Amino acid sequence: MDVEICIYTTSFRSERYIRGLFCCYGLKVNDIVNGERHAKEVQGERAEAMPSKYPSKYRIDLHIDDDVSVAQNGRVYGFKVHIVGTQDDNWVEKIVEEVIRIKRTKELQR
């Protein structure tokens, strides 16, 4: 399946560290948004607090997270979030199905 992977984290670990970590698991990461980049590019000089993650700014089609507050922000700010939790043994299959659905929808829109 041809997809790009972007890591979006509130962590202030360096891009190099994050890329290396995922490389250890055999994942090629296309882009990384860490806490520092988010603070600069999303929050910037805004007086009002922006959400902790804002994937639509980076044209991310599907954000996967374990924090329900991110899903709540997704509803408010208009981005798609798939919540994974410790109770779901089928989370990988569900994400693959969602990626396939998104790809088909994009193909139909062309």
N, C-alpha and C. Protein backbone atom coordinates (compact mmCIF):
# COMPACT_ATOMS: atom_id res chain seq x y z
N MET A 1 0.85 -1.18 0.00
CA MET A 1 0.00 0.00 0.00
C MET A 1 0.90 1.24 0.00
N ASP A 2 0.68 2.12 -0.93
CA ASP A 2 1.51 3.31 -1.08
C ASP A 2 0.95 4.46 -0.24
N VAL A 3 1.54 4.68 0.93
CA VAL A 3 1.12 5.77 1.81
C VAL A 3 2.35 6.49 2.32
N GLU A 4 2.16 7.75 2.68
CA GLU A 4 3.22 8.51 3.33
C GLU A 4 2.93 8.55 4.82
N ILE A 5 3.97 8.44 5.62
CA ILE A 5 3.81 8.45 7.07
C ILE A 5 4.41 9.73 7.62
N CYS A 6 3.60 10.44 8.38
CA CYS A 6 4.04 11.65 9.08
C CYS A 6 3.86 11.39 10.57
N ILE A 7 4.88 11.63 11.33
CA ILE A 7 4.79 11.51 12.79
C ILE A 7 4.47 12.90 13.33
N TYR A 8 3.37 13.00 14.07
CA TYR A 8 2.95 14.27 14.68
C TYR A 8 2.90 14.03 16.18
N THR A 9 3.80 14.64 16.89
CA THR A 9 3.92 14.39 18.32
C THR A 9 4.06 15.69 19.09
N THR A 10 3.58 15.70 20.31
CA THR A 10 3.78 16.87 21.18
C THR A 10 5.17 16.84 21.82
N SER A 11 5.89 15.75 21.63
CA SER A 11 7.24 15.61 22.17
C SER A 11 8.18 16.65 21.55
N PHE A 12 9.11 17.11 22.35
CA PHE A 12 10.12 18.05 21.85
C PHE A 12 11.42 17.32 21.49
N ARG A 13 11.35 15.99 21.35
CA ARG A 13 12.53 15.25 20.88
C ARG A 13 12.86 15.73 19.48
N SER A 14 14.12 15.61 19.11
CA SER A 14 14.56 16.11 17.81
C SER A 14 13.98 15.25 16.68
N GLU A 15 13.91 15.88 15.52
CA GLU A 15 13.45 15.18 14.33
C GLU A 15 14.37 13.97 14.06
N ARG A 16 15.65 14.17 14.22
CA ARG A 16 16.62 13.09 13.99
C ARG A 16 16.37 11.91 14.92
N TYR A 17 16.11 12.18 16.19
CA TYR A 17 15.83 11.12 17.16
C TYR A 17 14.58 10.35 16.76
N ILE A 18 13.51 11.08 16.44
CA ILE A 18 12.23 10.45 16.09
C ILE A 18 12.38 9.60 14.83
N ARG A 19 13.02 10.16 13.82
CA ARG A 19 13.24 9.42 12.57
C ARG A 19 14.03 8.13 12.84
N GLY A 20 15.08 8.23 13.66
CA GLY A 20 15.90 7.06 14.00
C GLY A 20 15.11 6.01 14.76
N LEU A 21 14.26 6.44 15.67
CA LEU A 21 13.44 5.52 16.44
C LEU A 21 12.54 4.69 15.52
N PHE A 22 11.85 5.36 14.59
CA PHE A 22 10.96 4.64 13.69
C PHE A 22 11.73 3.81 12.68
N CYS A 23 12.93 4.24 12.34
CA CYS A 23 13.79 3.47 11.44
C CYS A 23 14.14 2.12 12.07
N CYS A 24 14.32 2.11 13.39
CA CYS A 24 14.61 0.86 14.10
C CYS A 24 13.49 -0.16 13.91
N TYR A 25 12.26 0.31 13.66
CA TYR A 25 11.12 -0.57 13.44
C TYR A 25 10.85 -0.79 11.95
N GLY A 26 11.74 -0.29 11.11
CA GLY A 26 11.61 -0.51 9.67
C GLY A 26 10.64 0.43 8.98
N LEU A 27 10.26 1.53 9.64
CA LEU A 27 9.32 2.48 9.04
C LEU A 27 10.05 3.68 8.45
N LYS A 28 9.75 3.96 7.21
CA LYS A 28 10.28 5.17 6.56
C LYS A 28 9.29 6.30 6.85
N VAL A 29 9.76 7.33 7.49
CA VAL A 29 8.93 8.47 7.86
C VAL A 29 9.14 9.58 6.83
N ASN A 30 8.05 10.09 6.27
CA ASN A 30 8.14 11.14 5.26
C ASN A 30 8.24 12.53 5.86
N ASP A 31 7.62 12.75 7.02
CA ASP A 31 7.63 14.07 7.64
C ASP A 31 7.46 13.91 9.14
N ILE A 32 7.95 14.88 9.89
CA ILE A 32 7.83 14.87 11.34
C ILE A 32 7.42 16.26 11.81
N VAL A 33 6.39 16.29 12.64
CA VAL A 33 6.00 17.53 13.31
C VAL A 33 6.15 17.25 14.80
N ASN A 34 7.15 17.87 15.40
CA ASN A 34 7.34 17.70 16.85
C ASN A 34 6.79 18.93 17.57
N GLY A 35 6.93 18.95 18.89
CA GLY A 35 6.40 20.06 19.67
C GLY A 35 6.96 21.41 19.28
N GLU A 36 8.24 21.44 18.96
CA GLU A 36 8.89 22.70 18.57
C GLU A 36 8.31 23.23 17.25
N ARG A 37 8.20 22.36 16.27
CA ARG A 37 7.66 22.78 14.97
C ARG A 37 6.19 23.19 15.10
N HIS A 38 5.43 22.44 15.87
CA HIS A 38 4.02 22.78 16.09
C HIS A 38 3.89 24.16 16.74
N ALA A 39 4.70 24.40 17.75
CA ALA A 39 4.64 25.69 18.45
C ALA A 39 4.93 26.84 17.49
N LYS A 40 5.90 26.65 16.61
CA LYS A 40 6.29 27.70 15.67
C LYS A 40 5.26 27.87 14.55
N GLU A 41 4.84 26.77 13.94
CA GLU A 41 4.02 26.85 12.73
C GLU A 41 2.52 26.86 12.98
N VAL A 42 2.07 26.29 14.08
CA VAL A 42 0.63 26.25 14.35
C VAL A 42 0.25 27.31 15.38
N GLN A 43 0.88 27.27 16.53
CA GLN A 43 0.54 28.25 17.57
C GLN A 43 1.06 29.63 17.20
N GLY A 44 2.32 29.68 16.80
CA GLY A 44 2.92 30.95 16.38
C GLY A 44 2.67 32.06 17.38
N GLU A 45 2.23 33.20 16.87
CA GLU A 45 1.99 34.37 17.71
C GLU A 45 0.52 34.51 18.11
N ARG A 46 -0.28 33.48 17.85
CA ARG A 46 -1.72 33.56 18.17
C ARG A 46 -1.94 33.71 19.66
N ALA A 47 -2.84 34.57 20.03
CA ALA A 47 -3.17 34.75 21.45
C ALA A 47 -4.04 33.59 21.95
N GLU A 48 -4.97 33.13 21.10
CA GLU A 48 -5.85 32.02 21.52
C GLU A 48 -5.09 30.70 21.39
N ALA A 49 -5.34 29.83 22.33
CA ALA A 49 -4.65 28.53 22.32
C ALA A 49 -5.16 27.67 21.17
N MET A 50 -4.24 27.14 20.40
CA MET A 50 -4.58 26.21 19.33
C MET A 50 -4.56 24.80 19.90
N PRO A 51 -5.16 23.84 19.19
CA PRO A 51 -5.14 22.46 19.70
C PRO A 51 -3.72 21.91 19.75
N SER A 52 -3.51 20.88 20.55
CA SER A 52 -2.17 20.31 20.71
C SER A 52 -1.65 19.70 19.42
N LYS A 53 -2.56 19.32 18.53
CA LYS A 53 -2.19 18.80 17.21
C LYS A 53 -3.18 19.35 16.20
N TYR A 54 -2.70 19.66 15.02
CA TYR A 54 -3.55 20.25 13.98
C TYR A 54 -3.13 19.68 12.63
N PRO A 55 -3.40 18.39 12.40
CA PRO A 55 -2.88 17.70 11.22
C PRO A 55 -3.34 18.27 9.88
N SER A 56 -4.49 18.91 9.82
CA SER A 56 -4.95 19.44 8.53
C SER A 56 -4.02 20.54 8.02
N LYS A 57 -3.29 21.21 8.89
CA LYS A 57 -2.31 22.21 8.47
C LYS A 57 -1.24 21.58 7.58
N TYR A 58 -0.96 20.32 7.83
CA TYR A 58 0.10 19.61 7.11
C TYR A 58 -0.46 18.64 6.07
N ARG A 59 -1.74 18.79 5.74
CA ARG A 59 -2.42 17.97 4.74
C ARG A 59 -2.36 16.48 5.08
N ILE A 60 -2.48 16.18 6.36
CA ILE A 60 -2.52 14.80 6.84
C ILE A 60 -3.96 14.33 6.73
N ASP A 61 -4.18 13.24 6.01
CA ASP A 61 -5.53 12.74 5.78
C ASP A 61 -6.10 11.98 6.97
N LEU A 62 -5.27 11.32 7.72
CA LEU A 62 -5.73 10.52 8.85
C LEU A 62 -4.73 10.64 9.98
N HIS A 63 -5.21 11.08 11.13
CA HIS A 63 -4.35 11.20 12.32
C HIS A 63 -4.73 10.06 13.26
N ILE A 64 -3.75 9.31 13.73
CA ILE A 64 -3.97 8.20 14.64
C ILE A 64 -3.41 8.61 15.99
N ASP A 65 -4.23 8.48 17.04
CA ASP A 65 -3.81 8.96 18.36
C ASP A 65 -4.43 8.08 19.43
N ASP A 66 -3.91 8.19 20.66
CA ASP A 66 -4.50 7.47 21.78
C ASP A 66 -5.16 8.43 22.77
N ASP A 67 -5.24 9.70 22.43
CA ASP A 67 -5.79 10.72 23.32
C ASP A 67 -7.15 11.19 22.81
N VAL A 68 -8.20 10.95 23.59
CA VAL A 68 -9.55 11.33 23.13
C VAL A 68 -9.71 12.84 22.98
N SER A 69 -8.90 13.63 23.69
CA SER A 69 -9.01 15.09 23.53
C SER A 69 -8.58 15.51 22.12
N VAL A 70 -7.68 14.75 21.50
CA VAL A 70 -7.28 15.03 20.12
C VAL A 70 -8.46 14.77 19.19
N ALA A 71 -9.21 13.71 19.45
CA ALA A 71 -10.41 13.42 18.65
C ALA A 71 -11.45 14.53 18.83
N GLN A 72 -11.60 15.03 20.04
CA GLN A 72 -12.53 16.14 20.28
C GLN A 72 -12.08 17.38 19.51
N ASN A 73 -10.79 17.66 19.51
CA ASN A 73 -10.26 18.79 18.73
C ASN A 73 -10.49 18.56 17.24
N GLY A 74 -10.39 17.31 16.80
CA GLY A 74 -10.64 16.99 15.40
C GLY A 74 -12.05 17.36 14.98
N ARG A 75 -13.01 17.10 15.84
CA ARG A 75 -14.40 17.47 15.52
C ARG A 75 -14.56 19.00 15.45
N VAL A 76 -13.90 19.70 16.35
CA VAL A 76 -14.00 21.16 16.39
C VAL A 76 -13.26 21.81 15.23
N TYR A 77 -12.04 21.33 14.95
CA TYR A 77 -11.17 21.96 13.95
C TYR A 77 -11.21 21.27 12.58
N GLY A 78 -12.02 20.23 12.45
CA GLY A 78 -12.25 19.62 11.15
C GLY A 78 -11.16 18.70 10.62
N PHE A 79 -10.56 17.87 11.48
CA PHE A 79 -9.63 16.87 10.98
C PHE A 79 -10.02 15.49 11.50
N LYS A 80 -9.67 14.48 10.72
CA LYS A 80 -10.05 13.10 11.01
C LYS A 80 -9.05 12.47 11.96
N VAL A 81 -9.58 11.84 13.02
CA VAL A 81 -8.74 11.17 14.01
C VAL A 81 -9.27 9.76 14.24
N HIS A 82 -8.37 8.81 14.23
CA HIS A 82 -8.71 7.44 14.61
C HIS A 82 -8.05 7.18 15.96
N ILE A 83 -8.87 6.90 16.95
CA ILE A 83 -8.36 6.65 18.30
C ILE A 83 -8.01 5.17 18.45
N VAL A 84 -6.82 4.90 18.91
CA VAL A 84 -6.42 3.54 19.25
C VAL A 84 -6.32 3.45 20.77
N GLY A 85 -6.69 2.30 21.27
CA GLY A 85 -6.64 2.10 22.71
C GLY A 85 -6.12 0.72 23.04
N THR A 86 -5.88 0.49 24.30
CA THR A 86 -5.32 -0.78 24.73
C THR A 86 -6.33 -1.92 24.61
N GLN A 87 -7.62 -1.61 24.52
CA GLN A 87 -8.65 -2.65 24.48
C GLN A 87 -8.92 -3.20 23.10
N ASP A 88 -8.36 -2.63 22.05
CA ASP A 88 -8.70 -3.01 20.69
C ASP A 88 -7.58 -3.84 20.06
N ASP A 89 -7.81 -5.14 19.96
CA ASP A 89 -6.81 -6.02 19.37
C ASP A 89 -6.78 -5.93 17.84
N ASN A 90 -7.78 -5.30 17.23
CA ASN A 90 -7.88 -5.22 15.78
C ASN A 90 -7.57 -3.82 15.25
N TRP A 91 -6.82 -3.03 16.02
CA TRP A 91 -6.59 -1.65 15.60
C TRP A 91 -5.82 -1.55 14.30
N VAL A 92 -4.89 -2.45 14.05
CA VAL A 92 -4.10 -2.39 12.82
C VAL A 92 -5.02 -2.58 11.61
N GLU A 93 -5.86 -3.59 11.66
CA GLU A 93 -6.78 -3.86 10.55
C GLU A 93 -7.72 -2.68 10.31
N LYS A 94 -8.19 -2.07 11.38
CA LYS A 94 -9.10 -0.92 11.25
C LYS A 94 -8.41 0.25 10.58
N ILE A 95 -7.15 0.48 10.92
CA ILE A 95 -6.41 1.58 10.31
C ILE A 95 -6.16 1.30 8.84
N VAL A 96 -5.77 0.07 8.52
CA VAL A 96 -5.55 -0.29 7.12
C VAL A 96 -6.85 -0.09 6.32
N GLU A 97 -7.97 -0.52 6.87
CA GLU A 97 -9.27 -0.33 6.20
C GLU A 97 -9.56 1.15 5.98
N GLU A 98 -9.26 1.98 6.96
CA GLU A 98 -9.51 3.42 6.83
C GLU A 98 -8.60 4.05 5.79
N VAL A 99 -7.35 3.62 5.74
CA VAL A 99 -6.42 4.13 4.72
C VAL A 99 -6.93 3.76 3.33
N ILE A 100 -7.38 2.53 3.17
CA ILE A 100 -7.93 2.10 1.88
C ILE A 100 -9.15 2.93 1.52
N ARG A 101 -10.03 3.18 2.49
CA ARG A 101 -11.22 3.98 2.24
C ARG A 101 -10.85 5.40 1.80
N ILE A 102 -9.89 6.01 2.47
CA ILE A 102 -9.45 7.36 2.14
C ILE A 102 -8.85 7.40 0.73
N LYS A 103 -8.02 6.41 0.41
CA LYS A 103 -7.41 6.35 -0.92
C LYS A 103 -8.47 6.23 -2.02
N ARG A 104 -9.47 5.38 -1.79
CA ARG A 104 -10.54 5.23 -2.78
C ARG A 104 -11.32 6.51 -2.95
N THR A 105 -11.61 7.17 -1.86
CA THR A 105 -12.35 8.45 -1.91
C THR A 105 -11.56 9.48 -2.70
N LYS A 106 -10.26 9.56 -2.46
CA LYS A 106 -9.42 10.52 -3.19
C LYS A 106 -9.37 10.19 -4.68
N GLU A 107 -9.31 8.91 -5.01
CA GLU A 107 -9.29 8.50 -6.42
C GLU A 107 -10.59 8.89 -7.12
N LEU A 108 -11.71 8.75 -6.42
CA LEU A 108 -13.01 9.11 -6.99
C LEU A 108 -13.13 10.63 -7.19
N GLN A 109 -12.44 11.40 -6.37
CA GLN A 109 -12.51 12.85 -6.46
C GLN A 109 -11.66 13.40 -7.61
N ARG A 110 -10.79 12.59 -8.17
CA ARG A 110 -9.92 13.05 -9.26
C ARG A 110 -10.65 13.14 -10.54
